[in-house]
Amino acid sequence: MLGTGAAKAEATHCSRAIRVAARPVGRFLWTNAEGQTVGPLRDLLDAVGARVGCTFQYDQLSTARATALFGDGDIDILPGAKTPARDVEGRFVLLVSDRLVLLSRKDRHLAVSSAADLIAKGVTVDVVHGYDFGAPYLRLLTALTQNGRLVENVSLKTLAERMADGRSEAALMTAPPFVDAALAAGIRDKLQVVPLDGLPPVIGGLYLVERALGKADSDLLDRAISDGVRQGEFLEFFRRSVSAVPWGMIGVLPDTEMPRQ
């Protein structure tokens, strides 16, 4: 336990192991074929932990379970897009911002560049169930549903398989999470990837749950993770994670264009 004087100083290491919600289809963390949690956020937290004396425990959770634990204050870190609902429960730390893109097979010659085009041209759009890229994205999904033009998939793998065999007309998401699924489905070089106008950037990062962490650990992690982001460390890990495809960083905004908190 810290003494009274020490308690007023900034913490220099975490007080316990930090629990991170790791969803199978996350943008920054995912489960590989061996059942391990991997991704650029894992790389960043490994580096942060080595510098400031923190260890991280990755709990593999469904989106619904992760959301429930976050709301109850029973998880320490939740990666994901910034949303008003999540802002109520946690302290947001920016990692990267990127634009939503439309992925389709090149042989479909799909001429769509905006959210309005999707509706006007009656395009059927595949998404991954549970992804939340903010209110404008959810409103677009509602409009597609009303037109009978939305297909929800249980995983990126399922979506990629539908695209590989021609059942999917187009998919809407940010580009980086689709890299591994596209490689596994053999469609790496068959895709057209177009940033979609009419939707704001997706502000991606993680939430620190102060109810679970306590203020000292929250402050320490906020400083350490933010320092890694400012120094370009996370963006480099992110770039490496998608380097196997030429379109992996399409839509990812450079630091100078990131929305400010």
C-alpha atoms as a PDB file:
ATOM      1  CA  MET A   1       0.000   0.000   0.000  1.00  0.00           C
ATOM      2  CA  LEU A   2       1.166   3.549  -0.701  1.00  0.00           C
ATOM      3  CA  GLY A   3       1.753   5.851   2.221  1.00  0.00           C
ATOM      4  CA  THR A   4      -0.068   9.162   2.578  1.00  0.00           C
ATOM      5  CA  GLY A   5       2.750  11.202   1.013  1.00  0.00           C
ATOM      6  CA  ALA A   6       3.318   8.790  -1.843  1.00  0.00           C
ATOM      7  CA  ALA A   7      -0.387   8.683  -2.638  1.00  0.00           C
ATOM      8  CA  LYS A   8      -0.248  12.332  -3.688  1.00  0.00           C
ATOM      9  CA  ALA A   9       2.565  11.697  -6.181  1.00  0.00           C
ATOM     10  CA  GLU A  10       2.065  10.300  -9.659  1.00  0.00           C
ATOM     11  CA  ALA A  11       2.031   6.496  -9.761  1.00  0.00           C
ATOM     12  CA  THR A  12       5.081   4.954 -11.414  1.00  0.00           C
ATOM     13  CA  HIS A  13       3.715   1.439 -11.940  1.00  0.00           C
ATOM     14  CA  CYS A  14       0.333  -0.269 -12.040  1.00  0.00           C
ATOM     15  CA  SER A  15      -1.071  -1.546  -8.765  1.00  0.00           C
ATOM     16  CA  ARG A  16      -2.230  -4.853 -10.299  1.00  0.00           C
ATOM     17  CA  ALA A  17      -2.669  -6.722 -13.585  1.00  0.00           C
ATOM     18  CA  ILE A  18      -4.855  -4.737 -15.988  1.00  0.00           C
ATOM     19  CA  ARG A  19      -7.790  -6.545 -17.620  1.00  0.00           C
ATOM     20  CA  VAL A  20      -8.294  -5.758 -21.309  1.00  0.00           C
ATOM     21  CA  ALA A  21     -11.428  -6.724 -23.231  1.00  0.00           C
ATOM     22  CA  ALA A  22     -10.258  -8.588 -26.345  1.00  0.00           C
ATOM     23  CA  ARG A  23     -13.033  -9.262 -28.842  1.00  0.00           C
ATOM     24  CA  PRO A  24     -12.548 -11.817 -31.653  1.00  0.00           C
ATOM     25  CA  VAL A  25     -13.137  -9.213 -34.407  1.00  0.00           C
ATOM     26  CA  GLY A  26     -11.718  -6.069 -32.816  1.00  0.00           C
ATOM     27  CA  ARG A  27     -10.012  -3.312 -34.807  1.00  0.00           C
ATOM     28  CA  PHE A  28      -6.879  -3.221 -32.657  1.00  0.00           C
ATOM     29  CA  LEU A  29      -6.960  -6.639 -30.958  1.00  0.00           C
ATOM     30  CA  TRP A  30      -8.132  -9.963 -32.339  1.00  0.00           C
ATOM     31  CA  THR A  31      -7.819 -13.700 -31.777  1.00  0.00           C
ATOM     32  CA  ASN A  32      -5.479 -15.517 -34.173  1.00  0.00           C
ATOM     33  CA  ALA A  33      -5.747 -19.104 -35.413  1.00  0.00           C
ATOM     34  CA  GLU A  34      -3.855 -20.336 -32.339  1.00  0.00           C
ATOM     35  CA  GLY A  35      -6.346 -18.664 -29.999  1.00  0.00           C
ATOM     36  CA  GLN A  36      -3.911 -15.916 -28.968  1.00  0.00           C
ATOM     37  CA  THR A  37      -4.782 -12.254 -28.581  1.00  0.00           C
ATOM     38  CA  VAL A  38      -2.694 -10.253 -31.062  1.00  0.00           C
ATOM     39  CA  GLY A  39      -2.765  -6.893 -32.817  1.00  0.00           C
ATOM     40  CA  PRO A  40      -1.197  -3.434 -32.741  1.00  0.00           C
ATOM     41  CA  LEU A  41      -2.758  -2.566 -29.388  1.00  0.00           C
ATOM     42  CA  ARG A  42      -1.178  -5.667 -27.843  1.00  0.00           C
ATOM     43  CA  ASP A  43       2.181  -4.494 -29.224  1.00  0.00           C
ATOM     44  CA  LEU A  44       1.669  -1.009 -27.806  1.00  0.00           C
ATOM     45  CA  LEU A  45       0.592  -2.252 -24.368  1.00  0.00           C
ATOM     46  CA  ASP A  46       3.578  -4.631 -24.259  1.00  0.00           C
ATOM     47  CA  ALA A  47       5.867  -1.637 -24.892  1.00  0.00           C
ATOM     48  CA  VAL A  48       4.024   0.538 -22.368  1.00  0.00           C
ATOM     49  CA  GLY A  49       4.110  -2.213 -19.765  1.00  0.00           C
ATOM     50  CA  ALA A  50       7.842  -2.628 -20.135  1.00  0.00           C
ATOM     51  CA  ARG A  51       8.387   1.105 -19.660  1.00  0.00           C
ATOM     52  CA  VAL A  52       6.109   1.788 -16.699  1.00  0.00           C
ATOM     53  CA  GLY A  53       5.803  -1.551 -14.938  1.00  0.00           C
ATOM     54  CA  CYS A  54       2.335  -2.758 -15.923  1.00  0.00           C
ATOM     55  CA  THR A  55       1.106  -6.200 -16.919  1.00  0.00           C
ATOM     56  CA  PHE A  56      -1.993  -6.818 -19.007  1.00  0.00           C
ATOM     57  CA  GLN A  57      -4.448  -9.706 -18.957  1.00  0.00           C
ATOM     58  CA  TYR A  58      -6.453 -10.209 -22.162  1.00  0.00           C
ATOM     59  CA  ASP A  59      -9.978 -11.509 -21.580  1.00  0.00           C
ATOM     60  CA  GLN A  60     -11.414 -12.948 -24.807  1.00  0.00           C
ATOM     61  CA  LEU A  61     -15.022 -11.774 -24.785  1.00  0.00           C
ATOM     62  CA  SER A  62     -17.951 -11.459 -27.141  1.00  0.00           C
ATOM     63  CA  THR A  63     -18.937  -7.909 -28.046  1.00  0.00           C
ATOM     64  CA  ALA A  64     -22.080  -8.189 -25.930  1.00  0.00           C
ATOM     65  CA  ARG A  65     -20.169  -9.470 -22.893  1.00  0.00           C
ATOM     66  CA  ALA A  66     -17.435  -6.837 -23.242  1.00  0.00           C
ATOM     67  CA  THR A  67     -20.058  -4.094 -23.459  1.00  0.00           C
ATOM     68  CA  ALA A  68     -21.863  -5.411 -20.379  1.00  0.00           C
ATOM     69  CA  LEU A  69     -18.664  -5.586 -18.307  1.00  0.00           C
ATOM     70  CA  PHE A  70     -17.719  -2.089 -19.445  1.00  0.00           C
ATOM     71  CA  GLY A  71     -21.079  -0.719 -18.355  1.00  0.00           C
ATOM     72  CA  ASP A  72     -20.802  -2.452 -14.986  1.00  0.00           C
ATOM     73  CA  GLY A  73     -17.250  -1.243 -14.382  1.00  0.00           C
ATOM     74  CA  ASP A  74     -15.951  -4.826 -14.353  1.00  0.00           C
ATOM     75  CA  ILE A  75     -13.279  -4.486 -17.056  1.00  0.00           C
ATOM     76  CA  ASP A  76     -10.313  -2.091 -17.034  1.00  0.00           C
ATOM     77  CA  ILE A  77      -9.785  -1.327 -20.734  1.00  0.00           C
ATOM     78  CA  LEU A  78     -12.262  -1.492 -23.621  1.00  0.00           C
ATOM     79  CA  PRO A  79     -10.843  -0.866 -27.134  1.00  0.00           C
ATOM     80  CA  GLY A  80     -13.262   0.640 -29.624  1.00  0.00           C
ATOM     81  CA  ALA A  81     -14.631   3.656 -31.421  1.00  0.00           C
ATOM     82  CA  LYS A  82     -15.451   6.812 -29.491  1.00  0.00           C
ATOM     83  CA  THR A  83     -19.192   7.162 -28.864  1.00  0.00           C
ATOM     84  CA  PRO A  84     -21.279   9.403 -26.571  1.00  0.00           C
ATOM     85  CA  ALA A  85     -22.663   6.371 -24.714  1.00  0.00           C
ATOM     86  CA  ARG A  86     -19.185   5.046 -23.942  1.00  0.00           C
ATOM     87  CA  ASP A  87     -17.975   8.500 -22.925  1.00  0.00           C
ATOM     88  CA  VAL A  88     -20.317   8.320 -19.940  1.00  0.00           C
ATOM     89  CA  GLU A  89     -18.608   5.196 -18.591  1.00  0.00           C
ATOM     90  CA  GLY A  90     -14.922   5.641 -19.401  1.00  0.00           C
ATOM     91  CA  ARG A  91     -11.994   7.923 -20.143  1.00  0.00           C
ATOM     92  CA  PHE A  92     -11.153   7.858 -23.843  1.00  0.00           C
ATOM     93  CA  VAL A  93      -7.579   7.648 -25.148  1.00  0.00           C
ATOM     94  CA  LEU A  94      -7.137   8.311 -28.882  1.00  0.00           C
ATOM     95  CA  LEU A  95      -5.132   5.764 -30.877  1.00  0.00           C
ATOM     96  CA  VAL A  96      -5.944   6.504 -34.523  1.00  0.00           C
ATOM     97  CA  SER A  97      -8.696   7.923 -36.706  1.00  0.00           C
ATOM     98  CA  ASP A  98      -9.752   6.539 -40.050  1.00  0.00           C
ATOM     99  CA  ARG A  99     -12.524   6.829 -42.588  1.00  0.00           C
ATOM    100  CA  LEU A 100     -15.099   4.188 -43.311  1.00  0.00           C
ATOM    101  CA  VAL A 101     -14.465   2.440 -46.621  1.00  0.00           C
ATOM    102  CA  LEU A 102     -16.543   0.406 -49.029  1.00  0.00           C
ATOM    103  CA  LEU A 103     -14.925  -2.888 -50.019  1.00  0.00           C
ATOM    104  CA  SER A 104     -16.132  -4.721 -53.116  1.00  0.00           C
ATOM    105  CA  ARG A 105     -14.740  -7.108 -55.685  1.00  0.00           C
ATOM    106  CA  LYS A 106     -13.035  -5.353 -58.598  1.00  0.00           C
ATOM    107  CA  ASP A 107     -14.958  -7.488 -61.080  1.00  0.00           C
ATOM    108  CA  ARG A 108     -18.240  -5.937 -59.865  1.00  0.00           C
ATOM    109  CA  HIS A 109     -17.103  -2.475 -61.086  1.00  0.00           C
ATOM    110  CA  LEU A 110     -19.129  -0.834 -58.323  1.00  0.00           C
ATOM    111  CA  ALA A 111     -19.259   2.948 -58.844  1.00  0.00           C
ATOM    112  CA  VAL A 112     -20.056   4.187 -55.340  1.00  0.00           C
ATOM    113  CA  SER A 113     -18.186   6.891 -53.455  1.00  0.00           C
ATOM    114  CA  SER A 114     -20.627   8.146 -50.821  1.00  0.00           C
ATOM    115  CA  ALA A 115     -23.205   7.007 -48.280  1.00  0.00           C
ATOM    116  CA  ALA A 116     -25.881   8.674 -50.424  1.00  0.00           C
ATOM    117  CA  ASP A 117     -24.796   6.550 -53.416  1.00  0.00           C
ATOM    118  CA  LEU A 118     -25.374   3.376 -51.405  1.00  0.00           C
ATOM    119  CA  ILE A 119     -28.999   4.298 -50.832  1.00  0.00           C
ATOM    120  CA  ALA A 120     -29.661   5.801 -54.272  1.00  0.00           C
ATOM    121  CA  LYS A 121     -28.183   2.848 -56.173  1.00  0.00           C
ATOM    122  CA  GLY A 122     -29.740   0.152 -53.988  1.00  0.00           C
ATOM    123  CA  VAL A 123     -26.443  -1.480 -53.042  1.00  0.00           C
ATOM    124  CA  THR A 124     -26.698  -4.421 -50.645  1.00  0.00           C
ATOM    125  CA  VAL A 125     -24.130  -3.930 -47.903  1.00  0.00           C
ATOM    126  CA  ASP A 126     -22.506  -6.478 -45.630  1.00  0.00           C
ATOM    127  CA  VAL A 127     -21.361  -5.481 -42.132  1.00  0.00           C
ATOM    128  CA  VAL A 128     -20.131  -7.291 -39.041  1.00  0.00           C
ATOM    129  CA  HIS A 129     -22.728  -7.578 -36.306  1.00  0.00           C
ATOM    130  CA  GLY A 130     -21.755  -5.634 -33.199  1.00  0.00           C
ATOM    131  CA  TYR A 131     -19.481  -3.112 -34.899  1.00  0.00           C
ATOM    132  CA  ASP A 132     -20.316   0.424 -33.773  1.00  0.00           C
ATOM    133  CA  PHE A 133     -18.589   3.206 -35.695  1.00  0.00           C
ATOM    134  CA  GLY A 134     -20.758   5.959 -34.241  1.00  0.00           C
ATOM    135  CA  ALA A 135     -24.189   7.483 -34.753  1.00  0.00           C
ATOM    136  CA  PRO A 136     -23.923   8.367 -38.499  1.00  0.00           C
ATOM    137  CA  TYR A 137     -22.864   4.777 -39.253  1.00  0.00           C
ATOM    138  CA  LEU A 138     -25.765   3.372 -37.237  1.00  0.00           C
ATOM    139  CA  ARG A 139     -28.231   5.707 -38.981  1.00  0.00           C
ATOM    140  CA  LEU A 140     -26.947   4.477 -42.358  1.00  0.00           C
ATOM    141  CA  LEU A 141     -27.472   0.874 -41.235  1.00  0.00           C
ATOM    142  CA  THR A 142     -31.037   1.740 -40.252  1.00  0.00           C
ATOM    143  CA  ALA A 143     -31.691   3.200 -43.701  1.00  0.00           C
ATOM    144  CA  LEU A 144     -30.189   0.132 -45.395  1.00  0.00           C
ATOM    145  CA  THR A 145     -32.299  -2.153 -43.214  1.00  0.00           C
ATOM    146  CA  GLN A 146     -35.472  -0.264 -44.118  1.00  0.00           C
ATOM    147  CA  ASN A 147     -34.617  -0.796 -47.788  1.00  0.00           C
ATOM    148  CA  GLY A 148     -33.869  -4.488 -47.262  1.00  0.00           C
ATOM    149  CA  ARG A 149     -30.234  -3.862 -48.220  1.00  0.00           C
ATOM    150  CA  LEU A 150     -28.315  -4.858 -45.082  1.00  0.00           C
ATOM    151  CA  VAL A 151     -26.641  -8.205 -44.373  1.00  0.00           C
ATOM    152  CA  GLU A 152     -25.151  -8.724 -40.895  1.00  0.00           C
ATOM    153  CA  ASN A 153     -22.334 -11.249 -40.491  1.00  0.00           C
ATOM    154  CA  VAL A 154     -21.213 -12.924 -37.289  1.00  0.00           C
ATOM    155  CA  SER A 155     -17.533 -12.436 -38.105  1.00  0.00           C
ATOM    156  CA  LEU A 156     -15.056 -10.951 -40.543  1.00  0.00           C
ATOM    157  CA  LYS A 157     -14.273 -14.500 -41.669  1.00  0.00           C
ATOM    158  CA  THR A 158     -17.888 -15.101 -42.680  1.00  0.00           C
ATOM    159  CA  LEU A 159     -18.051 -11.795 -44.523  1.00  0.00           C
ATOM    160  CA  ALA A 160     -14.811 -12.480 -46.417  1.00  0.00           C
ATOM    161  CA  GLU A 161     -16.052 -15.929 -47.430  1.00  0.00           C
ATOM    162  CA  ARG A 162     -19.279 -14.391 -48.787  1.00  0.00           C
ATOM    163  CA  MET A 163     -17.219 -11.914 -50.787  1.00  0.00           C
ATOM    164  CA  ALA A 164     -14.906 -14.633 -52.058  1.00  0.00           C
ATOM    165  CA  ASP A 165     -17.744 -16.690 -53.517  1.00  0.00           C
ATOM    166  CA  GLY A 166     -19.597 -13.677 -54.928  1.00  0.00           C
ATOM    167  CA  ARG A 167     -22.514 -13.548 -52.491  1.00  0.00           C
ATOM    168  CA  SER A 168     -21.515 -10.151 -51.034  1.00  0.00           C
ATOM    169  CA  GLU A 169     -21.972  -7.070 -53.182  1.00  0.00           C
ATOM    170  CA  ALA A 170     -20.046  -4.722 -50.871  1.00  0.00           C
ATOM    171  CA  ALA A 171     -18.869  -4.402 -47.274  1.00  0.00           C
ATOM    172  CA  LEU A 172     -18.728  -1.338 -45.025  1.00  0.00           C
ATOM    173  CA  MET A 173     -16.103  -0.922 -42.290  1.00  0.00           C
ATOM    174  CA  THR A 174     -12.635   0.532 -41.776  1.00  0.00           C
ATOM    175  CA  ALA A 175     -10.010  -1.170 -43.914  1.00  0.00           C
ATOM    176  CA  PRO A 176      -7.413  -2.499 -41.416  1.00  0.00           C
ATOM    177  CA  PRO A 177      -9.588  -5.068 -39.592  1.00  0.00           C
ATOM    178  CA  PHE A 178     -10.411  -6.816 -42.892  1.00  0.00           C
ATOM    179  CA  VAL A 179      -6.799  -7.567 -43.815  1.00  0.00           C
ATOM    180  CA  ASP A 180      -6.404 -10.983 -42.163  1.00  0.00           C
ATOM    181  CA  ALA A 181      -9.844 -12.177 -43.279  1.00  0.00           C
ATOM    182  CA  ALA A 182      -9.160 -11.118 -46.882  1.00  0.00           C
ATOM    183  CA  LEU A 183      -5.837 -12.957 -46.891  1.00  0.00           C
ATOM    184  CA  ALA A 184      -7.426 -16.123 -45.498  1.00  0.00           C
ATOM    185  CA  ALA A 185     -10.223 -15.983 -48.090  1.00  0.00           C
ATOM    186  CA  GLY A 186      -7.799 -15.460 -50.982  1.00  0.00           C
ATOM    187  CA  ILE A 187      -9.224 -12.100 -52.068  1.00  0.00           C
ATOM    188  CA  ARG A 188      -6.328  -9.795 -51.176  1.00  0.00           C
ATOM    189  CA  ASP A 189      -5.782  -8.606 -54.760  1.00  0.00           C
ATOM    190  CA  LYS A 190      -9.406  -8.845 -55.860  1.00  0.00           C
ATOM    191  CA  LEU A 191     -10.764  -5.948 -53.822  1.00  0.00           C
ATOM    192  CA  GLN A 192     -11.616  -2.364 -54.618  1.00  0.00           C
ATOM    193  CA  VAL A 193     -11.348  -0.225 -51.459  1.00  0.00           C
ATOM    194  CA  VAL A 194     -12.889   3.257 -51.576  1.00  0.00           C
ATOM    195  CA  PRO A 195     -13.159   5.775 -48.696  1.00  0.00           C
ATOM    196  CA  LEU A 196     -16.833   6.650 -48.322  1.00  0.00           C
ATOM    197  CA  ASP A 197     -17.802  10.330 -48.395  1.00  0.00           C
ATOM    198  CA  GLY A 198     -20.666  11.594 -46.272  1.00  0.00           C
ATOM    199  CA  LEU A 199     -19.587   9.933 -43.038  1.00  0.00           C
ATOM    200  CA  PRO A 200     -17.265  11.463 -40.406  1.00  0.00           C
ATOM    201  CA  PRO A 201     -13.945   9.849 -39.447  1.00  0.00           C
ATOM    202  CA  VAL A 202     -14.124   7.016 -36.955  1.00  0.00           C
ATOM    203  CA  ILE A 203     -12.218   8.079 -33.844  1.00  0.00           C
ATOM    204  CA  GLY A 204     -10.607   4.846 -32.659  1.00  0.00           C
ATOM    205  CA  GLY A 205      -8.971   4.220 -29.341  1.00  0.00           C
ATOM    206  CA  LEU A 206      -9.633   2.707 -25.969  1.00  0.00           C
ATOM    207  CA  TYR A 207     -11.563   3.488 -22.836  1.00  0.00           C
ATOM    208  CA  LEU A 208     -10.017   3.401 -19.375  1.00  0.00           C
ATOM    209  CA  VAL A 209     -12.649   2.466 -16.800  1.00  0.00           C
ATOM    210  CA  GLU A 210     -11.746   4.530 -13.747  1.00  0.00           C
ATOM    211  CA  ARG A 211     -14.393   2.832 -11.606  1.00  0.00           C
ATOM    212  CA  ALA A 212     -12.427  -0.391 -12.032  1.00  0.00           C
ATOM    213  CA  LEU A 213      -8.880   0.966 -12.274  1.00  0.00           C
ATOM    214  CA  GLY A 214      -8.895   3.738  -9.704  1.00  0.00           C
ATOM    215  CA  LYS A 215      -7.567   7.215 -10.448  1.00  0.00           C
ATOM    216  CA  ALA A 216      -3.848   6.464  -9.982  1.00  0.00           C
ATOM    217  CA  ASP A 217      -3.754   3.581 -12.467  1.00  0.00           C
ATOM    218  CA  SER A 218      -6.042   5.486 -14.882  1.00  0.00           C
ATOM    219  CA  ASP A 219      -3.762   8.527 -14.844  1.00  0.00           C
ATOM    220  CA  LEU A 220      -0.618   6.419 -15.292  1.00  0.00           C
ATOM    221  CA  LEU A 221      -2.049   4.459 -18.222  1.00  0.00           C
ATOM    222  CA  ASP A 222      -3.498   7.573 -19.848  1.00  0.00           C
ATOM    223  CA  ARG A 223      -0.085   9.285 -19.780  1.00  0.00           C
ATOM    224  CA  ALA A 224       1.902   6.249 -20.906  1.00  0.00           C
ATOM    225  CA  ILE A 225      -0.415   5.192 -23.747  1.00  0.00           C
ATOM    226  CA  SER A 226      -0.896   8.778 -24.970  1.00  0.00           C
ATOM    227  CA  ASP A 227       2.886   9.265 -25.024  1.00  0.00           C
ATOM    228  CA  GLY A 228       3.254   6.164 -27.216  1.00  0.00           C
ATOM    229  CA  VAL A 229       0.616   7.483 -29.604  1.00  0.00           C
ATOM    230  CA  ARG A 230       2.164  10.975 -29.805  1.00  0.00           C
ATOM    231  CA  GLN A 231       5.574   9.490 -30.555  1.00  0.00           C
ATOM    232  CA  GLY A 232       4.128   7.514 -33.489  1.00  0.00           C
ATOM    233  CA  GLU A 233       4.624   4.158 -31.801  1.00  0.00           C
ATOM    234  CA  PHE A 234       1.051   2.926 -32.196  1.00  0.00           C
ATOM    235  CA  LEU A 235       0.779   4.055 -35.816  1.00  0.00           C
ATOM    236  CA  GLU A 236       3.938   2.088 -36.644  1.00  0.00           C
ATOM    237  CA  PHE A 237       2.558  -1.057 -34.975  1.00  0.00           C
ATOM    238  CA  PHE A 238      -0.719  -0.460 -36.815  1.00  0.00           C
ATOM    239  CA  ARG A 239       1.077  -0.106 -40.169  1.00  0.00           C
ATOM    240  CA  ARG A 240       3.016  -3.334 -39.625  1.00  0.00           C
ATOM    241  CA  SER A 241      -0.170  -5.239 -38.808  1.00  0.00           C
ATOM    242  CA  VAL A 242      -1.669  -4.490 -42.240  1.00  0.00           C
ATOM    243  CA  SER A 243       1.505  -4.444 -44.350  1.00  0.00           C
ATOM    244  CA  ALA A 244       0.588  -7.698 -46.138  1.00  0.00           C
ATOM    245  CA  VAL A 245      -1.949  -5.905 -48.369  1.00  0.00           C
ATOM    246  CA  PRO A 246      -1.557  -2.741 -50.473  1.00  0.00           C
ATOM    247  CA  TRP A 247      -4.904  -1.285 -49.302  1.00  0.00           C
ATOM    248  CA  GLY A 248      -4.509  -1.916 -45.570  1.00  0.00           C
ATOM    249  CA  MET A 249      -3.975   1.741 -44.623  1.00  0.00           C
ATOM    250  CA  ILE A 250      -6.531   3.274 -46.994  1.00  0.00           C
ATOM    251  CA  GLY A 251      -8.633   5.746 -45.035  1.00  0.00           C
ATOM    252  CA  VAL A 252      -6.258   5.927 -42.059  1.00  0.00           C
ATOM    253  CA  LEU A 253      -5.700   9.585 -41.255  1.00  0.00           C
ATOM    254  CA  PRO A 254      -2.232  10.983 -40.534  1.00  0.00           C
ATOM    255  CA  ASP A 255      -1.773  12.546 -37.138  1.00  0.00           C
ATOM    256  CA  THR A 256      -2.147  16.063 -38.521  1.00  0.00           C
ATOM    257  CA  GLU A 257      -5.686  15.257 -39.673  1.00  0.00           C
ATOM    258  CA  MET A 258      -6.873  13.440 -36.546  1.00  0.00           C
ATOM    259  CA  PRO A 259      -9.812  15.024 -34.718  1.00  0.00           C
ATOM    260  CA  ARG A 260      -8.589  16.620 -31.490  1.00  0.00           C
ATOM    261  CA  GLN A 261     -10.009  15.723 -28.110  1.00  0.00           C
END
